[in-house]
Amino acid sequence: MAQYSRLETVRLTLRPFLLSDAEALLENGRDPRANQWSLRFADLSAAEANIRRYWLGQPAGKWVIEQDGVFLGAVECHLHQDIEAVEIGYLLLPKYWGQGVATEAARA
């Protein structure tokens, strides 16, 4: 997976998480349209702790989705070897829903 730490599509860049992404993650969790399915954090320090533990602590198969340097969301892949399947999960800021972002990121 290390060779795929950064991916490019026509519109998107998929890159590893940075602590500076915590603000956007927090914004996503504060939106009631998104937080029923997505991550929620009490404050910025909780979002940063999640990035350290999960997104940076176990980075293989996890990417920020951005367009022109703007955080749109995240995508991750989990390999389930026992059933020979891959699960793809994502979160997107609601303002980017319905634009094909998740589909394009998943294809990458």
Protein backbone atom coordinates (compact mmCIF):
# COMPACT_ATOMS: atom_id res chain seq x y z
CA MET A 1 0.00 0.00 0.00
CA ALA A 2 2.93 2.35 0.63
CA GLN A 3 3.43 2.79 -3.10
CA TYR A 4 -0.10 4.23 -3.25
CA SER A 5 0.32 6.86 -0.55
CA ARG A 6 -0.74 9.57 -3.01
CA LEU A 7 -3.20 9.06 -5.87
CA GLU A 8 -4.38 11.47 -8.56
CA THR A 9 -7.54 11.46 -10.67
CA VAL A 10 -8.77 13.99 -13.20
CA ARG A 11 -10.31 16.15 -10.44
CA LEU A 12 -9.02 14.80 -7.15
CA THR A 13 -5.90 14.19 -5.11
CA LEU A 14 -5.92 11.42 -2.52
CA ARG A 15 -3.20 11.94 0.07
CA PRO A 16 -2.30 10.90 3.62
CA PHE A 17 -3.93 12.72 6.52
CA LEU A 18 -2.25 15.65 8.30
CA LEU A 19 -3.08 17.01 11.74
CA SER A 20 -4.14 20.21 10.00
CA ASP A 21 -7.10 18.25 8.55
CA ALA A 22 -8.71 18.15 12.00
CA GLU A 23 -10.67 21.37 11.44
CA ALA A 24 -12.38 19.94 8.33
CA LEU A 25 -13.08 16.66 10.11
CA LEU A 26 -14.64 18.60 12.96
CA GLU A 27 -16.75 20.61 10.48
CA ASN A 28 -18.06 17.38 8.95
CA GLY A 29 -19.02 16.02 12.36
CA ARG A 30 -20.88 19.19 13.28
CA ASP A 31 -23.16 19.01 10.26
CA PRO A 32 -26.38 17.19 11.24
CA ARG A 33 -26.76 15.82 7.70
CA ALA A 34 -23.41 14.05 7.98
CA ASN A 35 -22.97 13.22 11.64
CA GLN A 36 -25.67 10.59 11.75
CA TRP A 37 -23.34 8.37 9.66
CA SER A 38 -19.98 9.96 10.26
CA LEU A 39 -17.43 10.82 12.91
CA ARG A 40 -18.38 13.31 15.62
CA PHE A 41 -15.97 15.11 17.92
CA ALA A 42 -16.51 17.31 20.95
CA ASP A 43 -13.84 19.78 19.88
CA LEU A 44 -10.72 20.28 17.78
CA SER A 45 -8.44 18.41 20.18
CA ALA A 46 -10.69 15.33 19.95
CA ALA A 47 -10.55 15.49 16.13
CA GLU A 48 -6.76 15.78 16.27
CA ALA A 49 -6.57 12.80 18.64
CA ASN A 50 -8.62 10.74 16.17
CA ILE A 51 -6.29 11.69 13.32
CA ARG A 52 -3.24 10.72 15.39
CA ARG A 53 -4.70 7.41 16.53
CA TYR A 54 -6.63 6.19 13.49
CA TRP A 55 -5.72 8.05 10.30
CA LEU A 56 -1.98 8.48 11.04
CA GLY A 57 -1.61 5.58 13.47
CA GLN A 58 -2.78 3.04 10.90
CA PRO A 59 -2.43 4.90 7.58
CA ALA A 60 -2.44 2.02 5.06
CA GLY A 61 -5.43 2.33 2.75
CA LYS A 62 -6.61 5.68 4.13
CA TRP A 63 -6.61 8.97 2.25
CA VAL A 64 -7.88 12.53 2.42
CA ILE A 65 -9.86 13.48 -0.67
CA GLU A 66 -9.05 16.98 -1.84
CA GLN A 67 -9.60 19.12 -4.89
CA ASP A 68 -7.31 22.05 -5.60
CA GLY A 69 -6.01 21.82 -2.02
CA VAL A 70 -9.50 21.87 -0.45
CA PHE A 71 -10.51 19.05 1.93
CA LEU A 72 -13.61 17.29 0.60
CA GLY A 73 -13.55 14.19 2.79
CA ALA A 74 -11.79 10.86 3.21
CA VAL A 75 -11.81 7.36 1.73
CA GLU A 76 -10.46 4.10 3.09
CA CYS A 77 -10.10 0.50 1.92
CA HIS A 78 -10.17 -2.56 4.13
CA LEU A 79 -9.01 -5.90 2.74
CA HIS A 80 -10.95 -8.85 4.13
CA GLN A 81 -8.68 -11.75 3.21
CA ASP A 82 -10.92 -14.37 4.77
CA ILE A 83 -13.68 -13.63 2.26
CA GLU A 84 -11.45 -12.23 -0.50
CA ALA A 85 -13.22 -8.88 -0.56
CA VAL A 86 -12.43 -5.20 -0.21
CA GLU A 87 -14.66 -2.81 1.69
CA ILE A 88 -14.53 0.87 0.75
CA GLY A 89 -15.75 3.49 3.20
CA TYR A 90 -15.84 7.23 2.84
CA LEU A 91 -16.98 10.45 4.42
CA LEU A 92 -17.67 13.64 2.55
CA LEU A 93 -18.56 17.13 3.64
CA PRO A 94 -22.25 17.43 2.66
CA LYS A 95 -21.61 20.29 0.26
CA TYR A 96 -19.76 17.77 -1.97
CA TRP A 97 -22.47 15.09 -1.95
CA GLY A 98 -23.99 14.14 -5.29
CA GLN A 99 -21.00 15.25 -7.37
CA GLY A 100 -19.38 11.85 -8.02
CA VAL A 101 -16.52 12.51 -5.59
CA ALA A 102 -16.86 9.23 -3.65
CA THR A 103 -17.15 7.22 -6.87
CA GLU A 104 -14.07 8.85 -8.36
CA ALA A 105 -12.07 8.38 -5.16
CA ALA A 106 -13.12 4.73 -4.88
CA ARG A 107 -12.06 4.07 -8.47
CA ALA A 108 -8.62 5.54 -7.74
